[in-house]
N, C-alpha and C. Protein backbone atom coordinates (compact mmCIF):
# COMPACT_ATOMS: atom_id res chain seq x y z
N MET A 1 32.09 48.86 69.56
CA MET A 1 32.40 49.53 70.37
C MET A 1 32.01 51.03 69.65
N ILE A 2 31.50 51.83 71.69
CA ILE A 2 31.16 52.71 70.83
C ILE A 2 32.49 53.40 70.94
N ASN A 3 32.44 55.02 69.79
CA ASN A 3 33.26 55.46 70.11
C ASN A 3 33.00 57.01 70.31
N ILE A 4 33.65 57.10 71.96
CA ILE A 4 33.33 58.24 72.46
C ILE A 4 34.55 59.17 72.98
N ASN A 5 33.90 60.24 72.39
CA ASN A 5 34.88 61.38 72.01
C ASN A 5 34.83 62.49 72.85
N LEU A 6 35.79 62.86 74.42
CA LEU A 6 35.02 63.68 74.85
C LEU A 6 37.05 63.82 75.56
N ALA A 7 36.37 65.67 75.53
CA ALA A 7 37.36 66.13 76.04
C ALA A 7 37.79 65.33 77.54
N SER A 8 39.27 65.59 77.75
CA SER A 8 39.86 66.24 79.72
C SER A 8 38.83 66.57 80.55
N LYS A 9 38.46 67.76 80.22
CA LYS A 9 37.69 68.79 80.99
C LYS A 9 36.38 68.01 81.27
N ASP A 10 36.12 67.24 80.44
CA ASP A 10 34.32 66.68 80.36
C ASP A 10 34.58 65.41 80.95
N ILE A 11 34.97 65.15 81.29
CA ILE A 11 35.43 63.29 81.81
C ILE A 11 35.79 63.43 83.42
N LEU A 12 37.11 64.74 82.74
CA LEU A 12 36.88 64.61 84.96
C LEU A 12 35.74 65.42 85.29
N ALA A 13 34.84 66.45 84.48
CA ALA A 13 33.70 66.51 85.54
C ALA A 13 32.86 65.68 85.30
N ILE A 14 32.80 64.31 84.52
CA ILE A 14 32.07 63.54 85.16
C ILE A 14 32.38 62.58 86.47
N ASN A 15 33.66 62.73 86.78
CA ASN A 15 34.41 61.60 87.70
C ASN A 15 34.63 62.74 88.28
N LEU A 16 34.27 63.37 89.20
CA LEU A 16 34.27 64.65 90.61
C LEU A 16 32.89 64.74 90.57
N LYS A 17 31.97 64.48 89.52
CA LYS A 17 30.42 64.43 90.26
C LYS A 17 30.37 63.11 90.43
N TYR A 18 30.97 62.32 90.06
CA TYR A 18 31.16 61.02 90.96
C TYR A 18 31.51 60.84 91.68
N TYR A 19 32.50 61.41 92.02
CA TYR A 19 32.86 60.43 93.25
C TYR A 19 32.09 61.82 94.15
N ARG A 20 31.19 62.66 93.88
CA ARG A 20 31.00 63.45 94.63
C ARG A 20 29.69 63.07 95.95
N TYR A 21 29.26 62.18 94.78
CA TYR A 21 28.25 61.43 95.01
C TYR A 21 28.06 59.71 95.80
N LEU A 22 29.49 59.51 95.50
CA LEU A 22 29.77 58.79 96.72
C LEU A 22 29.97 59.03 98.38
N SER A 23 30.44 60.82 97.58
CA SER A 23 30.82 60.99 99.35
C SER A 23 30.04 61.56 100.06
N GLN A 24 28.06 61.95 99.44
CA GLN A 24 26.75 62.49 99.69
C GLN A 24 27.27 63.56 99.66
N LEU A 25 28.13 64.69 99.26
CA LEU A 25 28.12 66.12 100.10
C LEU A 25 27.18 67.10 98.40
N SER A 26 27.46 68.38 99.17
CA SER A 26 27.16 69.20 98.64
C SER A 26 28.57 69.61 98.23
N GLN A 27 27.95 70.12 96.70
CA GLN A 27 29.63 70.87 96.42
C GLN A 27 30.16 71.82 97.09
N GLU A 28 29.71 72.70 98.18
CA GLU A 28 30.22 73.48 98.53
C GLU A 28 30.74 72.47 99.45
N LYS A 29 30.60 71.53 100.02
CA LYS A 29 30.96 70.82 101.43
C LYS A 29 32.11 70.03 100.42
N PHE A 30 31.82 69.68 99.35
CA PHE A 30 32.58 68.35 97.96
C PHE A 30 34.01 69.67 98.48
N ALA A 31 34.13 70.73 97.83
CA ALA A 31 35.26 71.68 97.28
C ALA A 31 35.27 71.90 99.20
N GLU A 32 35.30 72.31 99.63
CA GLU A 32 36.25 72.72 101.71
C GLU A 32 37.25 70.89 101.94
N ALA A 33 36.05 70.01 100.71
CA ALA A 33 36.87 68.93 101.55
C ALA A 33 38.52 68.61 100.81
N ILE A 34 38.23 69.05 99.81
CA ILE A 34 39.56 68.48 98.60
C ILE A 34 40.40 69.88 98.44
N ASN A 35 39.99 70.75 99.14
CA ASN A 35 40.54 72.09 99.24
C ASN A 35 40.53 72.96 98.18
N THR A 36 39.79 72.94 97.62
CA THR A 36 39.11 74.09 96.13
C THR A 36 38.67 75.15 96.97
N SER A 37 37.81 75.80 96.43
CA SER A 37 36.49 77.12 96.23
C SER A 37 35.56 76.14 95.46
N LEU A 38 34.18 76.27 96.40
CA LEU A 38 32.96 76.69 95.30
C LEU A 38 33.18 76.47 93.94
N ILE A 39 33.40 77.72 93.20
CA ILE A 39 33.34 79.14 92.70
C ILE A 39 34.31 77.87 91.59
N TYR A 40 35.32 77.03 91.86
CA TYR A 40 36.14 75.96 90.73
C TYR A 40 35.78 74.92 91.29
N GLU A 41 35.23 74.70 91.66
CA GLU A 41 34.90 73.24 92.18
C GLU A 41 33.45 72.91 90.68
N ASN A 42 32.82 73.90 91.26
CA ASN A 42 31.46 74.09 90.16
C ASN A 42 31.87 73.92 88.62
N GLN A 43 33.06 74.81 88.54
CA GLN A 43 33.30 74.69 87.05
C GLN A 43 34.24 73.49 86.57
N LEU A 44 34.55 73.19 87.17
CA LEU A 44 35.64 71.49 86.89
C LEU A 44 34.53 71.22 86.54
N GLU A 45 32.87 71.24 88.01
CA GLU A 45 31.93 69.76 87.11
C GLU A 45 31.11 69.64 85.93
N ASN A 46 31.24 71.08 86.13
CA ASN A 46 30.56 71.92 84.12
C ASN A 46 31.54 71.99 83.08
N GLY A 47 32.45 71.49 83.58
CA GLY A 47 33.70 71.52 82.24
C GLY A 47 34.30 73.46 81.66
N HIS A 48 33.81 74.02 82.80
CA HIS A 48 34.64 75.19 82.20
C HIS A 48 35.85 75.71 82.48
N ARG A 49 36.65 74.77 83.40
CA ARG A 49 38.16 74.90 83.38
C ARG A 49 39.21 74.17 83.07
N ASN A 50 40.09 74.05 83.21
CA ASN A 50 41.17 72.89 82.68
C ASN A 50 42.23 72.59 83.29
N PRO A 51 42.28 72.16 84.15
CA PRO A 51 43.13 72.49 85.44
C PRO A 51 44.45 71.36 85.17
N THR A 52 45.50 72.42 85.52
CA THR A 52 47.00 71.27 85.39
C THR A 52 46.79 70.69 86.04
N LEU A 53 47.91 69.16 85.52
CA LEU A 53 47.80 67.75 85.84
C LEU A 53 48.32 68.01 87.05
N GLU A 54 49.17 69.01 87.70
CA GLU A 54 49.86 69.04 89.23
C GLU A 54 48.08 69.28 90.23
N MET A 55 46.94 70.01 89.16
CA MET A 55 45.91 69.95 90.18
C MET A 55 45.00 68.52 90.51
N VAL A 56 44.99 68.11 89.24
CA VAL A 56 44.27 67.01 89.37
C VAL A 56 44.77 65.61 89.97
N ASP A 57 46.04 65.79 90.57
CA ASP A 57 47.00 64.79 91.04
C ASP A 57 46.65 65.18 92.81
N LYS A 58 46.20 66.31 93.38
CA LYS A 58 46.27 67.27 93.66
C LYS A 58 44.74 66.69 94.73
N ILE A 59 43.95 67.03 93.69
CA ILE A 59 42.19 66.39 93.56
C ILE A 59 42.13 64.72 94.09
N ALA A 60 42.94 64.02 93.25
CA ALA A 60 43.27 62.98 93.49
C ALA A 60 43.27 62.19 94.55
N HIS A 61 44.65 62.98 95.26
CA HIS A 61 44.76 62.33 96.03
C HIS A 61 43.70 62.90 97.63
N GLN A 62 43.53 64.03 98.06
CA GLN A 62 41.89 64.64 98.26
C GLN A 62 40.90 63.79 98.06
N ILE A 63 41.24 63.07 97.25
CA ILE A 63 39.32 62.11 96.75
C ILE A 63 39.87 61.04 97.90
N SER A 64 40.85 60.66 97.94
CA SER A 64 41.51 59.47 98.31
C SER A 64 41.26 59.81 99.85
N LYS A 65 41.86 60.55 99.95
CA LYS A 65 41.56 60.99 101.43
C LYS A 65 39.96 61.29 101.98
N LEU A 66 39.43 61.48 101.44
CA LEU A 66 38.23 61.43 101.50
C LEU A 66 37.12 60.49 102.05
N LEU A 67 37.39 59.77 100.45
CA LEU A 67 36.22 58.50 100.35
C LEU A 67 36.82 57.12 101.19
N GLY A 68 38.46 57.42 101.45
CA GLY A 68 39.01 56.23 101.95
C GLY A 68 39.52 55.05 101.00
N ARG A 69 40.13 55.35 99.70
CA ARG A 69 40.36 54.61 98.86
C ARG A 69 41.31 54.94 98.04
N ASN A 70 42.56 53.71 96.87
CA ASN A 70 43.35 55.09 96.24
C ASN A 70 42.31 55.42 95.32
N ILE A 71 42.06 56.60 94.60
CA ILE A 71 41.83 57.15 93.69
C ILE A 71 43.08 58.32 92.97
N THR A 72 43.46 57.92 92.03
CA THR A 72 44.24 58.33 91.17
C THR A 72 43.97 59.60 90.32
N SER A 73 44.83 60.21 89.72
CA SER A 73 44.88 61.12 88.00
C SER A 73 44.04 60.30 87.06
N ALA A 74 45.30 59.13 87.22
CA ALA A 74 44.36 58.62 85.78
C ALA A 74 42.52 57.96 85.75
N ASP A 75 42.63 58.09 87.27
CA ASP A 75 40.76 57.46 87.54
C ASP A 75 39.81 59.30 87.27
N LEU A 76 40.78 59.78 87.77
CA LEU A 76 39.65 60.71 87.44
C LEU A 76 39.73 61.73 85.72
N LEU A 77 40.76 60.93 85.08
CA LEU A 77 40.63 60.99 83.44
C LEU A 77 40.25 60.38 82.53
N THR A 78 39.52 58.94 83.44
CA THR A 78 39.50 58.16 82.43
C THR A 78 37.61 57.34 82.32
N TYR A 79 37.86 57.92 81.26
CA TYR A 79 35.61 57.42 80.71
C TYR A 79 35.37 56.39 81.07
N ASP A 80 33.99 56.76 82.11
CA ASP A 80 33.64 55.24 82.59
C ASP A 80 31.78 55.39 82.80
N ILE A 81 30.89 54.58 81.32
CA ILE A 81 30.01 54.94 81.70
C ILE A 81 29.19 55.23 83.04
N SER A 82 30.11 54.32 83.59
CA SER A 82 28.58 53.39 85.11
C SER A 82 28.69 55.50 85.80
N LYS A 83 29.98 55.92 85.71
CA LYS A 83 30.18 57.15 86.22
C LYS A 83 29.03 58.21 86.83
N ILE A 84 28.46 58.09 85.22
CA ILE A 84 26.95 58.72 84.50
C ILE A 84 26.27 59.35 85.62
N ILE A 85 26.28 59.78 86.15
CA ILE A 85 25.20 59.10 87.15
C ILE A 85 23.74 60.79 87.52
N GLY A 86 23.64 61.42 85.91
CA GLY A 86 22.70 62.14 85.77
C GLY A 86 22.69 63.94 86.17
N SER A 87 21.21 64.43 87.13
CA SER A 87 21.52 65.60 87.27
C SER A 87 21.05 65.90 88.27
N ARG A 88 20.93 64.86 89.10
CA ARG A 88 19.57 65.75 90.25
C ARG A 88 20.71 65.72 91.65
N ARG A 89 20.33 66.08 92.35
CA ARG A 89 21.09 66.94 93.08
C ARG A 89 21.24 65.47 94.21
N ILE A 90 22.16 66.07 93.94
CA ILE A 90 23.80 64.56 95.13
C ILE A 90 23.79 64.77 96.64
N ASP A 91 23.29 65.67 96.85
CA ASP A 91 23.26 65.70 98.32
C ASP A 91 22.12 65.53 98.81
N ALA A 92 21.05 65.33 98.02
CA ALA A 92 19.52 65.03 97.90
C ALA A 92 19.20 63.63 98.83
N GLU A 93 19.34 62.76 99.28
CA GLU A 93 19.58 61.28 100.34
C GLU A 93 19.59 62.62 101.55
N LYS A 94 20.62 62.39 101.75
CA LYS A 94 21.09 63.66 103.36
C LYS A 94 20.58 64.89 103.52
N VAL A 95 19.59 65.45 102.37
CA VAL A 95 18.65 66.73 103.46
C VAL A 95 17.06 66.25 103.56
N PHE A 96 16.83 64.88 102.85
CA PHE A 96 15.54 64.38 103.29
C PHE A 96 15.61 63.11 103.86
N GLN A 97 16.69 62.73 104.31
CA GLN A 97 16.75 61.90 105.24
C GLN A 97 16.01 62.54 106.70
């Protein structure tokens, strides 16, 4: 078993990028969909913010509404290697279709 020692803000960053990837939205559109500012969303995705648990709950609720499936705070704060999507443009498929 591999020992992964990531801060919760880093795990949140990975998971936000993953759920944004699923939604195929730019950071700006994703931020709008989850009722945050683009700056705040960018800071979260880059691991530069430590949101409160209340904020993580709100984000999870908004992602649930966006994707039409139940996403919990625990989902946003649980590390899953399969959710690492890399650094390519998430909305690239939409841009070039």
